[in-house]
């Protein structure tokens, strides 16, 4: 399923990415802890491990964790497990 975004929405996404992007890193990668599916295939523990391993294996990339309000605790746990190249999406 392809998500149709308006030009205004695309521009807002680009603007937000520029506000968040840290110039120390080569690229910005978003990881979504809140997949929005009941049949999520990645457990919370595995998500935390994934963030830890990715952030250490790819220190030149910036990882941004997106989350729903009810999963903020999990997002913060993953943040703490990652390196200095991991941050949370601003609320």
C-alpha atoms as a PDB file:
ATOM      1  CA  UNK A   1       0.000   0.000   0.000  1.00  0.00           C
ATOM      2  CA  UNK A   2       1.505   3.296  -1.082  1.00  0.00           C
ATOM      3  CA  UNK A   3       0.841   6.322   1.108  1.00  0.00           C
ATOM      4  CA  UNK A   4      -0.175   9.373  -0.920  1.00  0.00           C
ATOM      5  CA  UNK A   5       1.229  12.589   0.534  1.00  0.00           C
ATOM      6  CA  UNK A   6       0.432  16.076  -0.626  1.00  0.00           C
ATOM      7  CA  UNK A   7       3.256  18.371  -1.672  1.00  0.00           C
ATOM      8  CA  UNK A   8       2.629  20.347   1.515  1.00  0.00           C
ATOM      9  CA  UNK A   9       3.062  17.190   3.629  1.00  0.00           C
ATOM     10  CA  UNK A  10       6.270  16.269   1.789  1.00  0.00           C
ATOM     11  CA  UNK A  11       7.668  19.746   2.337  1.00  0.00           C
ATOM     12  CA  UNK A  12       6.815  19.571   6.035  1.00  0.00           C
ATOM     13  CA  UNK A  13       8.586  16.200   6.258  1.00  0.00           C
ATOM     14  CA  UNK A  14      11.704  17.617   4.595  1.00  0.00           C
ATOM     15  CA  UNK A  15      11.614  20.638   6.900  1.00  0.00           C
ATOM     16  CA  UNK A  16      11.314  18.455  10.002  1.00  0.00           C
ATOM     17  CA  UNK A  17      14.166  16.207   8.827  1.00  0.00           C
ATOM     18  CA  UNK A  18      16.396  19.264   8.369  1.00  0.00           C
ATOM     19  CA  UNK A  19      15.512  20.507  11.869  1.00  0.00           C
ATOM     20  CA  UNK A  20      16.335  17.126  13.423  1.00  0.00           C
ATOM     21  CA  UNK A  21      19.320  16.106  11.306  1.00  0.00           C
ATOM     22  CA  UNK A  22      22.685  16.373  13.046  1.00  0.00           C
ATOM     23  CA  UNK A  23      25.439  17.407  10.615  1.00  0.00           C
ATOM     24  CA  UNK A  24      27.945  15.152  12.415  1.00  0.00           C
ATOM     25  CA  UNK A  25      26.305  12.150  10.761  1.00  0.00           C
ATOM     26  CA  UNK A  26      26.082  11.058   7.122  1.00  0.00           C
ATOM     27  CA  UNK A  27      22.368  10.222   7.072  1.00  0.00           C
ATOM     28  CA  UNK A  28      19.223  10.185   9.181  1.00  0.00           C
ATOM     29  CA  UNK A  29      17.430   6.853   9.663  1.00  0.00           C
ATOM     30  CA  UNK A  30      14.085   6.637  11.476  1.00  0.00           C
ATOM     31  CA  UNK A  31      13.190   3.568  13.530  1.00  0.00           C
ATOM     32  CA  UNK A  32       9.524   3.279  14.509  1.00  0.00           C
ATOM     33  CA  UNK A  33       8.946   1.476  17.793  1.00  0.00           C
ATOM     34  CA  UNK A  34       5.182   1.870  17.340  1.00  0.00           C
ATOM     35  CA  UNK A  35       4.579  -0.245  14.284  1.00  0.00           C
ATOM     36  CA  UNK A  36       0.842   0.155  14.687  1.00  0.00           C
ATOM     37  CA  UNK A  37       0.136  -3.504  14.136  1.00  0.00           C
ATOM     38  CA  UNK A  38      -1.146  -5.987  16.668  1.00  0.00           C
ATOM     39  CA  UNK A  39       0.886  -8.745  15.051  1.00  0.00           C
ATOM     40  CA  UNK A  40       4.225  -6.933  15.419  1.00  0.00           C
ATOM     41  CA  UNK A  41       6.999  -9.424  14.787  1.00  0.00           C
ATOM     42  CA  UNK A  42       9.737  -7.653  16.775  1.00  0.00           C
ATOM     43  CA  UNK A  43       9.527  -7.868  20.553  1.00  0.00           C
ATOM     44  CA  UNK A  44      10.435  -4.940  22.769  1.00  0.00           C
ATOM     45  CA  UNK A  45      13.672  -6.615  23.848  1.00  0.00           C
ATOM     46  CA  UNK A  46      14.656  -7.233  20.247  1.00  0.00           C
ATOM     47  CA  UNK A  47      13.909  -3.614  19.326  1.00  0.00           C
ATOM     48  CA  UNK A  48      16.204  -2.390  22.111  1.00  0.00           C
ATOM     49  CA  UNK A  49      18.941  -4.793  20.958  1.00  0.00           C
ATOM     50  CA  UNK A  50      18.446  -3.690  17.349  1.00  0.00           C
ATOM     51  CA  UNK A  51      18.947  -0.027  18.271  1.00  0.00           C
ATOM     52  CA  UNK A  52      22.039  -0.914  20.306  1.00  0.00           C
ATOM     53  CA  UNK A  53      23.601  -3.001  17.540  1.00  0.00           C
ATOM     54  CA  UNK A  54      22.753  -0.650  14.666  1.00  0.00           C
ATOM     55  CA  UNK A  55      24.027   2.431  16.475  1.00  0.00           C
ATOM     56  CA  UNK A  56      27.343   0.768  17.258  1.00  0.00           C
ATOM     57  CA  UNK A  57      27.800  -0.913  13.879  1.00  0.00           C
ATOM     58  CA  UNK A  58      26.985   2.305  11.964  1.00  0.00           C
ATOM     59  CA  UNK A  59      28.430   5.190  14.013  1.00  0.00           C
ATOM     60  CA  UNK A  60      28.284   7.575  11.020  1.00  0.00           C
ATOM     61  CA  UNK A  61      24.478   7.275  10.825  1.00  0.00           C
ATOM     62  CA  UNK A  62      21.991   9.132  13.007  1.00  0.00           C
ATOM     63  CA  UNK A  63      19.123   6.960  14.255  1.00  0.00           C
ATOM     64  CA  UNK A  64      15.901   8.668  15.236  1.00  0.00           C
ATOM     65  CA  UNK A  65      13.317   6.712  17.238  1.00  0.00           C
ATOM     66  CA  UNK A  66       9.676   7.451  16.496  1.00  0.00           C
ATOM     67  CA  UNK A  67       7.078   6.269  19.006  1.00  0.00           C
ATOM     68  CA  UNK A  68       3.474   6.558  20.089  1.00  0.00           C
ATOM     69  CA  UNK A  69       2.891   8.231  23.481  1.00  0.00           C
ATOM     70  CA  UNK A  70       1.996   4.912  25.094  1.00  0.00           C
ATOM     71  CA  UNK A  71       5.411   3.495  24.083  1.00  0.00           C
ATOM     72  CA  UNK A  72       7.603   6.333  25.300  1.00  0.00           C
ATOM     73  CA  UNK A  73       9.122   4.142  28.019  1.00  0.00           C
ATOM     74  CA  UNK A  74      10.260   1.564  25.440  1.00  0.00           C
ATOM     75  CA  UNK A  75      11.612   4.338  23.201  1.00  0.00           C
ATOM     76  CA  UNK A  76      13.630   5.773  26.104  1.00  0.00           C
ATOM     77  CA  UNK A  77      14.971   2.312  26.986  1.00  0.00           C
ATOM     78  CA  UNK A  78      16.134   1.891  23.380  1.00  0.00           C
ATOM     79  CA  UNK A  79      17.625   5.405  23.459  1.00  0.00           C
ATOM     80  CA  UNK A  80      19.624   4.523  26.573  1.00  0.00           C
ATOM     81  CA  UNK A  81      20.871   1.306  24.942  1.00  0.00           C
ATOM     82  CA  UNK A  82      22.122   3.093  21.830  1.00  0.00           C
ATOM     83  CA  UNK A  83      25.131   5.250  21.213  1.00  0.00           C
ATOM     84  CA  UNK A  84      25.353   9.025  20.944  1.00  0.00           C
ATOM     85  CA  UNK A  85      24.003   8.739  17.398  1.00  0.00           C
ATOM     86  CA  UNK A  86      20.515   7.808  18.673  1.00  0.00           C
ATOM     87  CA  UNK A  87      17.815  10.345  19.537  1.00  0.00           C
ATOM     88  CA  UNK A  88      14.058  10.481  20.043  1.00  0.00           C
ATOM     89  CA  UNK A  89      11.631  12.194  17.717  1.00  0.00           C
ATOM     90  CA  UNK A  90      10.542  15.413  19.440  1.00  0.00           C
ATOM     91  CA  UNK A  91       6.996  15.233  20.779  1.00  0.00           C
END
